[in-house]
């Protein structure tokens, strides 16, 4: 027997969550609500509508709530899970559109606001910020998608089992895409609509959210792929510096002079390049050691 659930992080959404829960119930077997320390009666209302409610005593953040969605899906033995916002920005009637590709072998389905030329109702300043985060997510080792920050996604059994979040903030959406690529999950995107005419939605201010996610991605790049982002560029810089040094020695041997500019550049390239090489190697060793400790349960 298969179980399909719709799960939603919720924080003070008593005014909107009822319509979302009722809409989801038409297309899934069970609705899961992770109440992230709400001060209103979000949890009580969700329970009265038959939702499976997980409560946080205090507000822990979107990523922590999303982590609980995956943990609850594994606990319930779900074979498919749709994550949807609880504030009404997403249309529950589009859930079948996200679930359908899972039947065709996909592990992850992303509801995109921009695929197929979509996104005409998205404010221009949001489009710019989202595009930057899309590129940063891809560069950090994540999937190359058109909407990396979409909160409307569907996950198959393999994705539910493999994805284990560590972030507690809004960068969790990008972390999922990085883990999806690491675990070689098969993914696709489908077109969705998203409302921006609602008041007091759970979406964070893009001018605050964007830089936070970007900084987190930069940290992930530094920690998870140090050989790629430090050692490889460092080797290239050192090679250029050495080549420049050989040319300077050649010119000096045949009567030329060592001018300050090229000599300083040569030294700078070699010193900085070697520093990056050893930094990458050390970070890579530390990352492997931490991973082995976690796997060993020490």
C-alpha atoms as a PDB file:
ATOM      1  CA  UNK A   1       0.000   0.000   0.000  1.00  0.00           C
ATOM      2  CA  UNK A   2       1.384   3.396  -0.960  1.00  0.00           C
ATOM      3  CA  UNK A   3       0.989   6.543   1.092  1.00  0.00           C
ATOM      4  CA  UNK A   4       1.084  10.018  -0.426  1.00  0.00           C
ATOM      5  CA  UNK A   5       1.288  12.988   1.908  1.00  0.00           C
ATOM      6  CA  UNK A   6       1.234  16.754   1.621  1.00  0.00           C
ATOM      7  CA  UNK A   7       3.476  18.433   4.197  1.00  0.00           C
ATOM      8  CA  UNK A   8       3.734  22.099   5.065  1.00  0.00           C
ATOM      9  CA  UNK A   9       5.838  24.150   7.480  1.00  0.00           C
ATOM     10  CA  UNK A  10       3.555  26.637   9.265  1.00  0.00           C
ATOM     11  CA  UNK A  11       4.120  29.648  11.477  1.00  0.00           C
ATOM     12  CA  UNK A  12       1.137  31.743  12.598  1.00  0.00           C
ATOM     13  CA  UNK A  13      -0.996  30.755   9.592  1.00  0.00           C
ATOM     14  CA  UNK A  14      -4.356  30.298  11.348  1.00  0.00           C
ATOM     15  CA  UNK A  15      -6.035  32.702   8.932  1.00  0.00           C
ATOM     16  CA  UNK A  16      -4.997  30.827   5.783  1.00  0.00           C
ATOM     17  CA  UNK A  17      -4.021  27.243   6.558  1.00  0.00           C
ATOM     18  CA  UNK A  18      -7.556  25.795   6.591  1.00  0.00           C
ATOM     19  CA  UNK A  19      -8.082  26.390   2.862  1.00  0.00           C
ATOM     20  CA  UNK A  20      -4.658  24.896   2.083  1.00  0.00           C
ATOM     21  CA  UNK A  21      -5.308  21.772   4.159  1.00  0.00           C
ATOM     22  CA  UNK A  22      -8.766  21.235   2.671  1.00  0.00           C
ATOM     23  CA  UNK A  23      -7.372  21.733  -0.832  1.00  0.00           C
ATOM     24  CA  UNK A  24      -4.551  19.238  -0.267  1.00  0.00           C
ATOM     25  CA  UNK A  25      -6.851  16.556   1.178  1.00  0.00           C
ATOM     26  CA  UNK A  26      -8.465  16.079  -2.242  1.00  0.00           C
ATOM     27  CA  UNK A  27      -5.218  14.782  -3.745  1.00  0.00           C
ATOM     28  CA  UNK A  28      -3.246  13.057  -0.968  1.00  0.00           C
ATOM     29  CA  UNK A  29      -3.831  10.408   1.700  1.00  0.00           C
ATOM     30  CA  UNK A  30      -2.623  12.464   4.635  1.00  0.00           C
ATOM     31  CA  UNK A  31      -1.772  16.092   5.374  1.00  0.00           C
ATOM     32  CA  UNK A  32       1.175  16.838   7.668  1.00  0.00           C
ATOM     33  CA  UNK A  33       1.572  20.239   9.323  1.00  0.00           C
ATOM     34  CA  UNK A  34       4.829  21.157  11.097  1.00  0.00           C
ATOM     35  CA  UNK A  35       3.849  23.983  13.414  1.00  0.00           C
ATOM     36  CA  UNK A  36       7.039  25.974  13.958  1.00  0.00           C
ATOM     37  CA  UNK A  37       6.254  27.501  17.361  1.00  0.00           C
ATOM     38  CA  UNK A  38       3.175  29.462  16.294  1.00  0.00           C
ATOM     39  CA  UNK A  39       1.686  31.961  18.736  1.00  0.00           C
ATOM     40  CA  UNK A  40      -1.825  31.560  17.337  1.00  0.00           C
ATOM     41  CA  UNK A  41      -4.050  28.464  17.031  1.00  0.00           C
ATOM     42  CA  UNK A  42      -2.468  27.148  13.828  1.00  0.00           C
ATOM     43  CA  UNK A  43      -1.780  23.717  15.350  1.00  0.00           C
ATOM     44  CA  UNK A  44      -5.236  23.336  16.930  1.00  0.00           C
ATOM     45  CA  UNK A  45      -6.966  24.327  13.696  1.00  0.00           C
ATOM     46  CA  UNK A  46      -4.849  21.902  11.672  1.00  0.00           C
ATOM     47  CA  UNK A  47      -5.652  19.060  14.063  1.00  0.00           C
ATOM     48  CA  UNK A  48      -9.369  19.841  13.930  1.00  0.00           C
ATOM     49  CA  UNK A  49      -9.198  19.425  10.153  1.00  0.00           C
ATOM     50  CA  UNK A  50      -7.604  15.985  10.498  1.00  0.00           C
ATOM     51  CA  UNK A  51      -3.998  16.925   9.801  1.00  0.00           C
ATOM     52  CA  UNK A  52      -1.076  15.081  11.378  1.00  0.00           C
ATOM     53  CA  UNK A  53       0.588  17.851  13.406  1.00  0.00           C
ATOM     54  CA  UNK A  54       4.199  18.038  14.561  1.00  0.00           C
ATOM     55  CA  UNK A  55       4.851  20.879  16.994  1.00  0.00           C
ATOM     56  CA  UNK A  56       7.953  22.924  17.762  1.00  0.00           C
ATOM     57  CA  UNK A  57       7.858  24.541  21.203  1.00  0.00           C
ATOM     58  CA  UNK A  58       9.759  27.524  19.809  1.00  0.00           C
ATOM     59  CA  UNK A  59      10.249  28.982  16.349  1.00  0.00           C
ATOM     60  CA  UNK A  60      13.236  27.129  14.867  1.00  0.00           C
ATOM     61  CA  UNK A  61      13.100  28.358  11.263  1.00  0.00           C
ATOM     62  CA  UNK A  62      11.920  27.147   7.878  1.00  0.00           C
ATOM     63  CA  UNK A  63      14.769  24.676   7.406  1.00  0.00           C
ATOM     64  CA  UNK A  64      14.091  22.970  10.749  1.00  0.00           C
ATOM     65  CA  UNK A  65      10.401  22.645   9.883  1.00  0.00           C
ATOM     66  CA  UNK A  66      11.292  21.272   6.453  1.00  0.00           C
ATOM     67  CA  UNK A  67      13.645  18.765   8.085  1.00  0.00           C
ATOM     68  CA  UNK A  68      10.728  17.554  10.222  1.00  0.00           C
ATOM     69  CA  UNK A  69       8.611  17.144   7.090  1.00  0.00           C
ATOM     70  CA  UNK A  70      11.134  14.623   5.732  1.00  0.00           C
ATOM     71  CA  UNK A  71      11.523  12.897   9.103  1.00  0.00           C
ATOM     72  CA  UNK A  72       7.745  12.560   9.439  1.00  0.00           C
ATOM     73  CA  UNK A  73       7.443  11.233   5.882  1.00  0.00           C
ATOM     74  CA  UNK A  74      10.001   8.530   6.720  1.00  0.00           C
ATOM     75  CA  UNK A  75       8.230   7.764  10.012  1.00  0.00           C
ATOM     76  CA  UNK A  76       4.882   7.349   8.257  1.00  0.00           C
ATOM     77  CA  UNK A  77       6.436   5.285   5.459  1.00  0.00           C
ATOM     78  CA  UNK A  78       5.325   7.711   2.752  1.00  0.00           C
ATOM     79  CA  UNK A  79       6.111   6.752  -0.836  1.00  0.00           C
ATOM     80  CA  UNK A  80       5.527  10.303  -2.097  1.00  0.00           C
ATOM     81  CA  UNK A  81       5.464  13.715  -0.463  1.00  0.00           C
ATOM     82  CA  UNK A  82       4.438  17.138  -1.697  1.00  0.00           C
ATOM     83  CA  UNK A  83       5.836  20.159   0.148  1.00  0.00           C
ATOM     84  CA  UNK A  84       3.576  23.192  -0.138  1.00  0.00           C
ATOM     85  CA  UNK A  85       3.520  26.594   1.558  1.00  0.00           C
ATOM     86  CA  UNK A  86       0.844  27.009   4.218  1.00  0.00           C
ATOM     87  CA  UNK A  87       0.151  30.670   3.461  1.00  0.00           C
ATOM     88  CA  UNK A  88      -1.950  30.173   0.333  1.00  0.00           C
ATOM     89  CA  UNK A  89       0.627  31.301  -2.214  1.00  0.00           C
ATOM     90  CA  UNK A  90       0.521  27.891  -3.907  1.00  0.00           C
ATOM     91  CA  UNK A  91      -2.568  26.301  -5.427  1.00  0.00           C
ATOM     92  CA  UNK A  92      -3.274  22.829  -3.974  1.00  0.00           C
ATOM     93  CA  UNK A  93      -5.174  21.972  -7.164  1.00  0.00           C
ATOM     94  CA  UNK A  94      -1.781  21.817  -8.913  1.00  0.00           C
ATOM     95  CA  UNK A  95      -0.623  18.919  -6.700  1.00  0.00           C
ATOM     96  CA  UNK A  96      -1.506  16.250  -9.322  1.00  0.00           C
ATOM     97  CA  UNK A  97       0.738  18.079 -11.792  1.00  0.00           C
ATOM     98  CA  UNK A  98       3.687  17.598  -9.419  1.00  0.00           C
ATOM     99  CA  UNK A  99       2.850  14.014  -8.496  1.00  0.00           C
ATOM    100  CA  UNK A 100       2.471  12.755 -12.067  1.00  0.00           C
ATOM    101  CA  UNK A 101       6.225  12.766 -12.976  1.00  0.00           C
ATOM    102  CA  UNK A 102       6.950  10.641  -9.881  1.00  0.00           C
ATOM    103  CA  UNK A 103       4.936   7.859 -11.531  1.00  0.00           C
ATOM    104  CA  UNK A 104       7.293   8.093 -14.514  1.00  0.00           C
ATOM    105  CA  UNK A 105      10.444   7.456 -12.509  1.00  0.00           C
ATOM    106  CA  UNK A 106      11.429  10.934 -11.319  1.00  0.00           C
ATOM    107  CA  UNK A 107      12.606  11.325  -7.716  1.00  0.00           C
ATOM    108  CA  UNK A 108      12.149  15.082  -7.414  1.00  0.00           C
ATOM    109  CA  UNK A 109       9.662  17.398  -9.117  1.00  0.00           C
ATOM    110  CA  UNK A 110      10.130  21.148  -8.734  1.00  0.00           C
ATOM    111  CA  UNK A 111       7.203  23.480  -9.202  1.00  0.00           C
ATOM    112  CA  UNK A 112       8.784  26.313 -11.164  1.00  0.00           C
ATOM    113  CA  UNK A 113       7.498  29.858 -11.496  1.00  0.00           C
ATOM    114  CA  UNK A 114       9.684  30.422 -14.556  1.00  0.00           C
ATOM    115  CA  UNK A 115       9.728  27.267 -16.706  1.00  0.00           C
ATOM    116  CA  UNK A 116       8.129  27.476 -20.177  1.00  0.00           C
ATOM    117  CA  UNK A 117       8.254  31.266 -20.169  1.00  0.00           C
ATOM    118  CA  UNK A 118       6.175  31.439 -17.006  1.00  0.00           C
ATOM    119  CA  UNK A 119       6.667  34.063 -14.266  1.00  0.00           C
ATOM    120  CA  UNK A 120       5.024  37.135 -15.775  1.00  0.00           C
ATOM    121  CA  UNK A 121       3.351  37.910 -12.439  1.00  0.00           C
ATOM    122  CA  UNK A 122       6.611  37.679 -10.468  1.00  0.00           C
ATOM    123  CA  UNK A 123       7.917  41.134  -9.439  1.00  0.00           C
ATOM    124  CA  UNK A 124      11.021  42.152 -11.397  1.00  0.00           C
ATOM    125  CA  UNK A 125      13.217  42.598  -8.310  1.00  0.00           C
ATOM    126  CA  UNK A 126      12.366  39.047  -7.223  1.00  0.00           C
ATOM    127  CA  UNK A 127      13.259  37.666 -10.655  1.00  0.00           C
ATOM    128  CA  UNK A 128      16.733  39.203 -10.485  1.00  0.00           C
ATOM    129  CA  UNK A 129      17.405  37.902  -6.984  1.00  0.00           C
ATOM    130  CA  UNK A 130      16.073  34.440  -7.788  1.00  0.00           C
ATOM    131  CA  UNK A 131      18.235  34.190 -10.890  1.00  0.00           C
ATOM    132  CA  UNK A 132      21.337  35.020  -8.838  1.00  0.00           C
ATOM    133  CA  UNK A 133      20.423  32.303  -6.326  1.00  0.00           C
ATOM    134  CA  UNK A 134      19.711  29.829  -9.147  1.00  0.00           C
ATOM    135  CA  UNK A 135      23.210  30.354 -10.541  1.00  0.00           C
ATOM    136  CA  UNK A 136      24.807  30.252  -7.085  1.00  0.00           C
ATOM    137  CA  UNK A 137      22.983  27.006  -6.241  1.00  0.00           C
ATOM    138  CA  UNK A 138      24.167  25.401  -9.470  1.00  0.00           C
ATOM    139  CA  UNK A 139      27.730  26.675  -8.988  1.00  0.00           C
ATOM    140  CA  UNK A 140      27.779  25.348  -5.416  1.00  0.00           C
ATOM    141  CA  UNK A 141      27.132  21.847  -6.710  1.00  0.00           C
ATOM    142  CA  UNK A 142      23.354  21.834  -6.895  1.00  0.00           C
ATOM    143  CA  UNK A 143      20.936  21.061  -9.701  1.00  0.00           C
ATOM    144  CA  UNK A 144      20.687  23.494 -12.588  1.00  0.00           C
ATOM    145  CA  UNK A 145      17.022  24.553 -12.406  1.00  0.00           C
ATOM    146  CA  UNK A 146      14.939  27.609 -13.247  1.00  0.00           C
ATOM    147  CA  UNK A 147      13.527  28.076  -9.737  1.00  0.00           C
ATOM    148  CA  UNK A 148      15.915  26.909  -7.022  1.00  0.00           C
ATOM    149  CA  UNK A 149      13.947  28.668  -4.267  1.00  0.00           C
ATOM    150  CA  UNK A 150      10.542  27.168  -5.049  1.00  0.00           C
ATOM    151  CA  UNK A 151       8.751  25.889  -1.956  1.00  0.00           C
ATOM    152  CA  UNK A 152       6.320  23.764  -3.985  1.00  0.00           C
ATOM    153  CA  UNK A 153       7.963  20.395  -4.726  1.00  0.00           C
ATOM    154  CA  UNK A 154       7.196  16.680  -4.868  1.00  0.00           C
ATOM    155  CA  UNK A 155       9.520  13.936  -3.640  1.00  0.00           C
ATOM    156  CA  UNK A 156       9.524  10.231  -4.394  1.00  0.00           C
ATOM    157  CA  UNK A 157      10.530   7.416  -2.043  1.00  0.00           C
ATOM    158  CA  UNK A 158      14.251   7.611  -2.877  1.00  0.00           C
ATOM    159  CA  UNK A 159      14.380  11.369  -2.295  1.00  0.00           C
ATOM    160  CA  UNK A 160      12.504  11.062   1.001  1.00  0.00           C
ATOM    161  CA  UNK A 161      15.020   8.505   2.214  1.00  0.00           C
ATOM    162  CA  UNK A 162      18.162  10.268   0.976  1.00  0.00           C
ATOM    163  CA  UNK A 163      17.582  13.940   1.824  1.00  0.00           C
ATOM    164  CA  UNK A 164      18.605  14.903   5.354  1.00  0.00           C
ATOM    165  CA  UNK A 165      18.739  18.628   6.034  1.00  0.00           C
ATOM    166  CA  UNK A 166      21.173  20.356   8.358  1.00  0.00           C
ATOM    167  CA  UNK A 167      20.247  24.027   7.790  1.00  0.00           C
ATOM    168  CA  UNK A 168      17.527  25.681   9.880  1.00  0.00           C
ATOM    169  CA  UNK A 169      17.082  28.764   7.698  1.00  0.00           C
ATOM    170  CA  UNK A 170      15.683  29.532   4.252  1.00  0.00           C
ATOM    171  CA  UNK A 171      18.771  28.158   2.481  1.00  0.00           C
ATOM    172  CA  UNK A 172      17.331  24.665   3.027  1.00  0.00           C
ATOM    173  CA  UNK A 173      15.759  24.810  -0.439  1.00  0.00           C
ATOM    174  CA  UNK A 174      19.189  25.113  -2.037  1.00  0.00           C
ATOM    175  CA  UNK A 175      20.653  22.476   0.278  1.00  0.00           C
ATOM    176  CA  UNK A 176      18.052  19.998  -0.975  1.00  0.00           C
ATOM    177  CA  UNK A 177      19.134  20.600  -4.568  1.00  0.00           C
ATOM    178  CA  UNK A 178      22.788  20.077  -3.629  1.00  0.00           C
ATOM    179  CA  UNK A 179      21.935  16.813  -1.880  1.00  0.00           C
ATOM    180  CA  UNK A 180      19.744  15.773  -4.815  1.00  0.00           C
ATOM    181  CA  UNK A 181      22.714  16.089  -7.139  1.00  0.00           C
ATOM    182  CA  UNK A 182      25.025  14.316  -4.690  1.00  0.00           C
ATOM    183  CA  UNK A 183      22.601  11.375  -4.536  1.00  0.00           C
ATOM    184  CA  UNK A 184      22.008  11.452  -8.323  1.00  0.00           C
ATOM    185  CA  UNK A 185      18.262  11.926  -7.965  1.00  0.00           C
ATOM    186  CA  UNK A 186      16.316  12.127 -11.199  1.00  0.00           C
ATOM    187  CA  UNK A 187      14.490  15.456 -11.376  1.00  0.00           C
ATOM    188  CA  UNK A 188      12.241  17.574 -13.549  1.00  0.00           C
ATOM    189  CA  UNK A 189      10.349  20.866 -13.381  1.00  0.00           C
ATOM    190  CA  UNK A 190       6.678  21.601 -13.969  1.00  0.00           C
ATOM    191  CA  UNK A 191       4.955  24.937 -14.381  1.00  0.00           C
ATOM    192  CA  UNK A 192       3.123  26.365 -11.364  1.00  0.00           C
ATOM    193  CA  UNK A 193       1.485  29.626 -10.409  1.00  0.00           C
ATOM    194  CA  UNK A 194       2.325  31.605  -7.290  1.00  0.00           C
ATOM    195  CA  UNK A 195       0.261  34.408  -5.758  1.00  0.00           C
ATOM    196  CA  UNK A 196       1.904  37.660  -4.701  1.00  0.00           C
ATOM    197  CA  UNK A 197      -1.305  39.565  -3.956  1.00  0.00           C
ATOM    198  CA  UNK A 198      -1.730  38.044  -0.492  1.00  0.00           C
ATOM    199  CA  UNK A 199      -0.999  40.022   2.662  1.00  0.00           C
ATOM    200  CA  UNK A 200       1.214  38.776   5.492  1.00  0.00           C
ATOM    201  CA  UNK A 201       2.528  35.730   3.664  1.00  0.00           C
ATOM    202  CA  UNK A 202       5.296  33.613   5.174  1.00  0.00           C
ATOM    203  CA  UNK A 203       7.766  34.591   2.455  1.00  0.00           C
ATOM    204  CA  UNK A 204      10.786  36.421   3.827  1.00  0.00           C
ATOM    205  CA  UNK A 205      11.857  39.824   2.650  1.00  0.00           C
ATOM    206  CA  UNK A 206      13.865  39.067  -0.537  1.00  0.00           C
ATOM    207  CA  UNK A 207      16.453  41.711   0.361  1.00  0.00           C
ATOM    208  CA  UNK A 208      17.147  39.803   3.591  1.00  0.00           C
ATOM    209  CA  UNK A 209      16.515  36.266   2.377  1.00  0.00           C
ATOM    210  CA  UNK A 210      18.664  36.508  -0.758  1.00  0.00           C
ATOM    211  CA  UNK A 211      21.962  37.541   0.868  1.00  0.00           C
ATOM    212  CA  UNK A 212      21.478  34.956   3.659  1.00  0.00           C
ATOM    213  CA  UNK A 213      21.039  32.127   1.167  1.00  0.00           C
ATOM    214  CA  UNK A 214      23.955  33.377  -0.938  1.00  0.00           C
ATOM    215  CA  UNK A 215      26.297  33.506   2.067  1.00  0.00           C
ATOM    216  CA  UNK A 216      25.237  30.005   3.076  1.00  0.00           C
ATOM    217  CA  UNK A 217      25.911  28.716  -0.418  1.00  0.00           C
ATOM    218  CA  UNK A 218      29.376  30.278  -0.359  1.00  0.00           C
ATOM    219  CA  UNK A 219      30.078  28.485   2.924  1.00  0.00           C
ATOM    220  CA  UNK A 220      28.888  25.204   1.396  1.00  0.00           C
ATOM    221  CA  UNK A 221      31.194  25.754  -1.579  1.00  0.00           C
ATOM    222  CA  UNK A 222      34.106  26.300   0.815  1.00  0.00           C
ATOM    223  CA  UNK A 223      33.316  23.218   2.910  1.00  0.00           C
ATOM    224  CA  UNK A 224      32.000  20.657   0.423  1.00  0.00           C
ATOM    225  CA  UNK A 225      34.169  21.208  -2.650  1.00  0.00           C
ATOM    226  CA  UNK A 226      37.451  22.762  -1.446  1.00  0.00           C
ATOM    227  CA  UNK A 227      39.596  20.991  -4.048  1.00  0.00           C
ATOM    228  CA  UNK A 228      37.442  22.439  -6.813  1.00  0.00           C
ATOM    229  CA  UNK A 229      37.158  25.979  -5.474  1.00  0.00           C
ATOM    230  CA  UNK A 230      40.573  26.375  -3.804  1.00  0.00           C
ATOM    231  CA  UNK A 231      43.126  23.802  -4.906  1.00  0.00           C
ATOM    232  CA  UNK A 232      42.382  23.815  -8.641  1.00  0.00           C
ATOM    233  CA  UNK A 233      42.431  27.652  -9.022  1.00  0.00           C
ATOM    234  CA  UNK A 234      45.494  27.774  -6.754  1.00  0.00           C
ATOM    235  CA  UNK A 235      47.377  25.322  -8.971  1.00  0.00           C
ATOM    236  CA  UNK A 236      46.455  27.389 -12.017  1.00  0.00           C
ATOM    237  CA  UNK A 237      47.667  30.614 -10.382  1.00  0.00           C
ATOM    238  CA  UNK A 238      50.914  28.960  -9.278  1.00  0.00           C
ATOM    239  CA  UNK A 239      51.492  27.566 -12.771  1.00  0.00           C
ATOM    240  CA  UNK A 240      51.003  31.015 -14.297  1.00  0.00           C
ATOM    241  CA  UNK A 241      53.377  32.505 -11.714  1.00  0.00           C
ATOM    242  CA  UNK A 242      56.036  29.865 -12.409  1.00  0.00           C
ATOM    243  CA  UNK A 243      55.680  30.371 -16.163  1.00  0.00           C
ATOM    244  CA  UNK A 244      56.114  34.090 -15.690  1.00  0.00           C
ATOM    245  CA  UNK A 245      59.156  33.421 -13.477  1.00  0.00           C
ATOM    246  CA  UNK A 246      60.766  31.208 -16.107  1.00  0.00           C
ATOM    247  CA  UNK A 247      60.255  33.896 -18.720  1.00  0.00           C
ATOM    248  CA  UNK A 248      61.809  36.525 -16.447  1.00  0.00           C
ATOM    249  CA  UNK A 249      64.816  34.281 -15.801  1.00  0.00           C
ATOM    250  CA  UNK A 250      65.155  33.640 -19.520  1.00  0.00           C
ATOM    251  CA  UNK A 251      65.120  37.361 -20.296  1.00  0.00           C
ATOM    252  CA  UNK A 252      67.534  38.107 -17.444  1.00  0.00           C
ATOM    253  CA  UNK A 253      69.943  35.376 -18.616  1.00  0.00           C
ATOM    254  CA  UNK A 254      70.103  36.961 -22.055  1.00  0.00           C
ATOM    255  CA  UNK A 255      70.820  40.448 -20.755  1.00  0.00           C
ATOM    256  CA  UNK A 256      67.427  41.695 -19.739  1.00  0.00           C
ATOM    257  CA  UNK A 257      66.549  43.360 -16.434  1.00  0.00           C
ATOM    258  CA  UNK A 258      64.160  42.296 -13.695  1.00  0.00           C
ATOM    259  CA  UNK A 259      61.580  45.077 -13.452  1.00  0.00           C
ATOM    260  CA  UNK A 260      59.582  45.421 -10.238  1.00  0.00           C
ATOM    261  CA  UNK A 261      56.082  44.999 -11.702  1.00  0.00           C
ATOM    262  CA  UNK A 262      56.423  41.586 -13.393  1.00  0.00           C
ATOM    263  CA  UNK A 263      58.610  40.277 -10.568  1.00  0.00           C
ATOM    264  CA  UNK A 264      56.062  41.314  -7.925  1.00  0.00           C
ATOM    265  CA  UNK A 265      53.226  39.769  -9.965  1.00  0.00           C
ATOM    266  CA  UNK A 266      55.155  36.508 -10.292  1.00  0.00           C
ATOM    267  CA  UNK A 267      55.751  36.309  -6.532  1.00  0.00           C
ATOM    268  CA  UNK A 268      52.146  37.212  -5.737  1.00  0.00           C
ATOM    269  CA  UNK A 269      50.716  34.555  -8.060  1.00  0.00           C
ATOM    270  CA  UNK A 270      52.968  31.849  -6.665  1.00  0.00           C
ATOM    271  CA  UNK A 271      52.425  32.743  -2.984  1.00  0.00           C
ATOM    272  CA  UNK A 272      48.643  33.172  -3.243  1.00  0.00           C
ATOM    273  CA  UNK A 273      48.341  30.144  -5.508  1.00  0.00           C
ATOM    274  CA  UNK A 274      50.246  27.876  -3.135  1.00  0.00           C
ATOM    275  CA  UNK A 275      48.249  29.205  -0.189  1.00  0.00           C
ATOM    276  CA  UNK A 276      45.013  28.291  -1.993  1.00  0.00           C
ATOM    277  CA  UNK A 277      46.362  24.843  -2.900  1.00  0.00           C
ATOM    278  CA  UNK A 278      47.210  23.967   0.704  1.00  0.00           C
ATOM    279  CA  UNK A 279      44.004  25.564   2.025  1.00  0.00           C
ATOM    280  CA  UNK A 280      41.952  23.374  -0.301  1.00  0.00           C
ATOM    281  CA  UNK A 281      43.856  20.247   0.705  1.00  0.00           C
ATOM    282  CA  UNK A 282      43.455  20.990   4.423  1.00  0.00           C
ATOM    283  CA  UNK A 283      39.735  21.766   4.091  1.00  0.00           C
ATOM    284  CA  UNK A 284      39.231  18.594   2.042  1.00  0.00           C
ATOM    285  CA  UNK A 285      40.986  16.518   4.710  1.00  0.00           C
ATOM    286  CA  UNK A 286      38.927  18.135   7.467  1.00  0.00           C
ATOM    287  CA  UNK A 287      35.676  17.542   5.566  1.00  0.00           C
ATOM    288  CA  UNK A 288      36.542  13.860   5.055  1.00  0.00           C
ATOM    289  CA  UNK A 289      37.473  13.464   8.707  1.00  0.00           C
ATOM    290  CA  UNK A 290      34.202  15.041   9.878  1.00  0.00           C
ATOM    291  CA  UNK A 291      32.246  12.818   7.474  1.00  0.00           C
ATOM    292  CA  UNK A 292      33.999   9.686   8.744  1.00  0.00           C
ATOM    293  CA  UNK A 293      33.309  10.692  12.346  1.00  0.00           C
ATOM    294  CA  UNK A 294      29.615  11.164  11.577  1.00  0.00           C
ATOM    295  CA  UNK A 295      29.421   7.844   9.751  1.00  0.00           C
ATOM    296  CA  UNK A 296      31.226   6.097  12.580  1.00  0.00           C
ATOM    297  CA  UNK A 297      28.910   7.576  15.167  1.00  0.00           C
ATOM    298  CA  UNK A 298      31.773   8.880  17.240  1.00  0.00           C
END
